[in-house]
Structure formats: structure tokens, C-alpha cells
């Protein structure tokens, strides 16, 4: 049975995402055209690419296996929650590419919610898989990746529908970033989108 935190995860994620988009669109970066500006932008691009590829990697492994067998290989052998890890990279990438790191600090408290989501998922997996999951949890960290535990099957079944769906879902950070670039262009070259405030850093 899913917990309340799990049931409302998507709604919460969308609301948080819209809040971040609002902050990015209607705020002004204090950095201007500086070397730091360029560094943050390139770092953001790198994180967005990493998040996209990582989410595809994780979804391919978990697709068709979720709640049926315990996935412990590939990305799931270095972190028990790789999709959350790569999603965090994607969110950080968008914020850095927009040169507005203050937003990371603003939204950081909201990530406490995902702790309760993960705990609910862990309780459910433990009820499904028992000792197998308990052993897995002892071996692989909840969030922080470690490649010391990396293992992978030589081959496994990939479902085309799952692969296509995973690629669409995984590319969400790319689409959001492109949308924000268009809106940023409109803000700089038209009066349609005003900058309501300047972020402190």
C-alpha cells in the first residue's frame, strides 16, 4: 500500500517544478556576463546531460521489473534510488544553467518531502521482498552512489515500449531547459516578461 507521501509525489513534484520555473523566469541573475556566469552555465549543461542519460539508464534497468523482482544491478547496484539522484542532478543543472544558484538554497528544504517518499517505498519493498531487500539495503546506500558495489548482468530483456517511454520521461529536463531558454530570450528582447526581482547570488 502506498503512503500519502508516495501518492502525492507527482503533484508535489510538479508544483515544486512550477515554483522553480517561476523563480527562474521572473528573477534576474546578479552575475551578468562574467567568467563565473559561463562556468555555471557549462556546469548546468553537463548536469542536464548527465541527468538525462542517467535516467534513461536507470529506467531501462527497472522497466518491466518494478514490484515483480528486486532490481539490484546496473545503476541500482550503486544507489538504491538512482532515478531520484539523477533527477536532482537535472534540477540542479537547470538552475545552474540559468545562473541562479540561490534557487537551490531556496528549494532545499522542500527535498525533505522526498525523504518520506523514499521511506514509504522502502517499507513497501521490504514487505514484498523481505530479507532479500534487507540485505540489499545493507549493501547499497539509499542515495549517495558508490561504484564499489557496481554489478550488472551481461544481458537482460529490454521492452521497446518501456525504453521509448523512459526516453521521453528522461528528456524532460532537456525540454524544460529549452523552454526556459526561449522565455529568457523573450525577457531580454521584449517587455512581455519583466524581471520582478534580483536574486542575492
Protein backbone atom coordinates (compact mmCIF):
# COMPACT_ATOMS: atom_id res chain seq x y z
CA UNK A 1 0.00 0.00 0.00
CA UNK A 2 1.33 3.41 -0.93
CA UNK A 3 1.82 6.09 1.72
CA UNK A 4 0.30 9.57 1.42
CA UNK A 5 3.73 10.96 0.52
CA UNK A 6 4.03 8.46 -2.35
CA UNK A 7 0.51 9.13 -3.64
CA UNK A 8 1.08 12.88 -3.88
CA UNK A 9 4.68 12.69 -5.12
CA UNK A 10 3.89 13.64 -8.71
CA UNK A 11 1.63 16.52 -7.70
CA UNK A 12 4.25 17.81 -5.27
CA UNK A 13 7.00 17.45 -7.90
CA UNK A 14 5.02 19.39 -10.50
CA UNK A 15 4.18 22.17 -8.03
CA UNK A 16 7.81 22.41 -6.95
CA UNK A 17 8.90 22.42 -10.59
CA UNK A 18 6.48 25.22 -11.46
CA UNK A 19 7.73 27.20 -8.45
CA UNK A 20 11.31 26.83 -9.69
CA UNK A 21 10.31 27.84 -13.23
CA UNK A 22 8.56 30.92 -11.82
CA UNK A 23 11.66 31.92 -9.86
CA UNK A 24 13.90 31.44 -12.90
CA UNK A 25 11.66 33.33 -15.31
CA UNK A 26 10.82 36.34 -13.15
CA UNK A 27 14.17 36.83 -11.43
CA UNK A 28 17.41 38.38 -12.58
CA UNK A 29 20.84 36.82 -12.09
CA UNK A 30 23.34 39.08 -10.28
CA UNK A 31 26.31 37.72 -12.23
CA UNK A 32 25.90 39.29 -15.67
CA UNK A 33 28.41 38.39 -18.37
CA UNK A 34 31.21 37.22 -16.09
CA UNK A 35 33.52 34.15 -16.14
CA UNK A 36 31.51 32.72 -13.24
CA UNK A 37 28.37 33.11 -15.35
CA UNK A 38 29.92 31.00 -18.11
CA UNK A 39 31.22 28.39 -15.65
CA UNK A 40 27.79 27.92 -14.07
CA UNK A 41 26.15 27.70 -17.47
CA UNK A 42 28.55 24.97 -18.69
CA UNK A 43 28.23 23.08 -15.39
CA UNK A 44 24.46 23.23 -15.75
CA UNK A 45 24.61 21.85 -19.28
CA UNK A 46 26.80 18.97 -18.11
CA UNK A 47 24.40 18.10 -15.26
CA UNK A 48 21.38 18.17 -17.58
CA UNK A 49 23.06 15.74 -19.99
CA UNK A 50 24.15 13.52 -17.08
CA UNK A 51 20.63 13.54 -15.65
CA UNK A 52 19.05 12.65 -19.00
CA UNK A 53 21.43 9.77 -19.73
CA UNK A 54 21.30 8.57 -16.12
CA UNK A 55 17.50 8.49 -16.01
CA UNK A 56 17.40 6.51 -19.26
CA UNK A 57 20.00 4.10 -17.83
CA UNK A 58 18.01 3.60 -14.61
CA UNK A 59 14.62 3.29 -16.30
CA UNK A 60 15.88 0.68 -18.77
CA UNK A 61 17.03 -1.48 -15.84
CA UNK A 62 13.90 -1.07 -13.72
CA UNK A 63 11.38 -1.16 -16.62
CA UNK A 64 9.19 -4.25 -16.53
CA UNK A 65 10.73 -5.42 -13.24
CA UNK A 66 9.32 -2.95 -10.71
CA UNK A 67 7.46 -4.70 -7.85
CA UNK A 68 8.00 -8.06 -9.61
CA UNK A 69 11.66 -8.67 -8.87
CA UNK A 70 14.17 -6.69 -6.87
CA UNK A 71 16.43 -4.75 -9.23
CA UNK A 72 19.92 -4.76 -7.71
CA UNK A 73 22.18 -4.32 -10.73
CA UNK A 74 23.33 -1.53 -13.04
CA UNK A 75 22.53 1.88 -11.53
CA UNK A 76 20.63 0.13 -8.72
CA UNK A 77 23.86 -1.50 -7.57
CA UNK A 78 25.44 1.90 -6.82
CA UNK A 79 22.38 3.61 -5.30
CA UNK A 80 19.00 2.32 -4.20
CA UNK A 81 17.32 5.40 -5.70
CA UNK A 82 19.21 6.36 -8.88
CA UNK A 83 16.17 7.99 -10.50
CA UNK A 84 15.94 10.47 -7.63
CA UNK A 85 19.69 11.07 -7.77
CA UNK A 86 19.66 11.82 -11.50
CA UNK A 87 16.53 13.94 -11.15
CA UNK A 88 18.33 16.02 -8.53
CA UNK A 89 21.22 16.44 -10.96
CA UNK A 90 18.75 17.59 -13.62
CA UNK A 91 17.08 20.15 -11.35
CA UNK A 92 20.46 21.48 -10.23
CA UNK A 93 21.58 21.59 -13.87
CA UNK A 94 18.63 23.72 -14.95
CA UNK A 95 19.15 26.14 -12.06
CA UNK A 96 22.89 26.46 -12.71
CA UNK A 97 22.39 26.81 -16.47
CA UNK A 98 20.08 29.72 -15.64
CA UNK A 99 22.93 31.16 -13.49
CA UNK A 100 20.69 31.38 -10.41
CA UNK A 101 22.22 29.16 -7.68
CA UNK A 102 20.27 30.98 -4.96
CA UNK A 103 17.21 28.99 -6.08
CA UNK A 104 18.94 25.77 -4.98
CA UNK A 105 19.13 27.17 -1.46
CA UNK A 106 15.51 28.36 -1.59
CA UNK A 107 14.11 24.95 -2.59
CA UNK A 108 16.46 22.79 -0.48
CA UNK A 109 14.00 22.47 2.46
CA UNK A 110 11.36 21.06 0.09
CA UNK A 111 13.51 17.99 -0.55
CA UNK A 112 12.66 16.76 2.96
CA UNK A 113 9.38 15.60 1.40
CA UNK A 114 11.22 13.09 -0.77
CA UNK A 115 12.78 11.53 2.32
CA UNK A 116 9.29 10.44 3.38
CA UNK A 117 8.52 9.23 -0.15
CA UNK A 118 11.65 7.08 -0.14
CA UNK A 119 10.94 5.71 3.33
CA UNK A 120 7.45 4.69 2.20
CA UNK A 121 8.87 2.97 -0.88
CA UNK A 122 11.45 1.18 1.27
CA UNK A 123 8.79 -0.14 3.65
CA UNK A 124 6.77 -1.47 0.71
CA UNK A 125 9.80 -3.13 -0.91
CA UNK A 126 10.73 -4.70 2.41
CA UNK A 127 7.22 -6.17 2.70
CA UNK A 128 7.47 -7.51 -0.87
CA UNK A 129 10.99 -8.93 -0.83
CA UNK A 130 11.77 -9.43 2.87
CA UNK A 131 15.31 -10.47 3.71
CA UNK A 132 16.47 -10.03 0.11
CA UNK A 133 15.71 -6.30 0.32
CA UNK A 134 17.14 -6.02 3.83
CA UNK A 135 20.45 -7.47 2.59
CA UNK A 136 20.38 -5.17 -0.43
CA UNK A 137 19.79 -2.13 1.79
CA UNK A 138 22.81 -3.05 3.91
CA UNK A 139 25.00 -3.35 0.84
CA UNK A 140 23.89 -0.33 -1.24
CA UNK A 141 23.36 3.20 0.03
CA UNK A 142 19.98 4.91 -0.04
CA UNK A 143 21.12 7.97 -2.02
CA UNK A 144 24.87 8.54 -2.28
CA UNK A 145 26.27 6.49 -5.19
CA UNK A 146 29.31 4.26 -4.73
CA UNK A 147 30.87 2.37 -7.61
CA UNK A 148 32.49 -0.13 -5.24
CA UNK A 149 29.27 -2.14 -5.29
CA UNK A 150 28.66 -1.93 -9.04
CA UNK A 151 27.45 -5.12 -10.71
CA UNK A 152 25.48 -5.79 -13.88
CA UNK A 153 24.04 -8.70 -15.77
CA UNK A 154 25.65 -9.43 -19.12
CA UNK A 155 22.22 -9.27 -20.75
CA UNK A 156 18.61 -8.72 -19.80
CA UNK A 157 15.28 -8.15 -21.54
CA UNK A 158 14.51 -4.62 -22.69
CA UNK A 159 10.91 -3.78 -23.55
CA UNK A 160 10.63 -1.34 -26.51
CA UNK A 161 7.61 0.45 -25.04
CA UNK A 162 9.41 0.89 -21.74
CA UNK A 163 12.54 2.13 -23.49
CA UNK A 164 10.60 4.67 -25.55
CA UNK A 165 8.64 5.87 -22.53
CA UNK A 166 11.82 6.14 -20.46
CA UNK A 167 13.50 8.24 -23.13
CA UNK A 168 10.52 10.62 -23.22
CA UNK A 169 10.39 10.92 -19.44
CA UNK A 170 14.16 11.20 -19.11
CA UNK A 171 14.34 14.04 -21.61
CA UNK A 172 12.02 16.25 -19.52
CA UNK A 173 14.97 18.26 -18.23
CA UNK A 174 16.11 18.95 -21.80
CA UNK A 175 12.63 20.18 -22.75
CA UNK A 176 12.33 22.35 -19.66
CA UNK A 177 15.73 23.85 -20.33
CA UNK A 178 14.87 24.66 -23.96
CA UNK A 179 11.57 26.24 -22.85
CA UNK A 180 13.40 28.38 -20.30
CA UNK A 181 15.91 29.47 -22.96
CA UNK A 182 13.05 30.65 -25.18
CA UNK A 183 11.43 32.51 -22.28
CA UNK A 184 14.78 34.04 -21.31
CA UNK A 185 15.20 35.31 -24.86
CA UNK A 186 11.72 36.86 -24.72
CA UNK A 187 12.57 38.50 -21.41
CA UNK A 188 15.76 40.05 -22.79
CA UNK A 189 14.37 41.21 -26.13
CA UNK A 190 10.76 42.09 -25.32
CA UNK A 191 8.80 43.59 -22.44
CA UNK A 192 6.47 40.61 -22.18
CA UNK A 193 8.30 39.02 -19.24
CA UNK A 194 9.56 41.50 -16.63
CA UNK A 195 12.30 40.73 -14.11
CA UNK A 196 10.48 41.25 -10.83
CA UNK A 197 13.48 40.82 -8.52
CA UNK A 198 17.23 40.17 -8.46
CA UNK A 199 18.48 37.12 -6.60
CA UNK A 200 21.15 37.67 -3.90
CA UNK A 201 23.58 35.21 -5.51
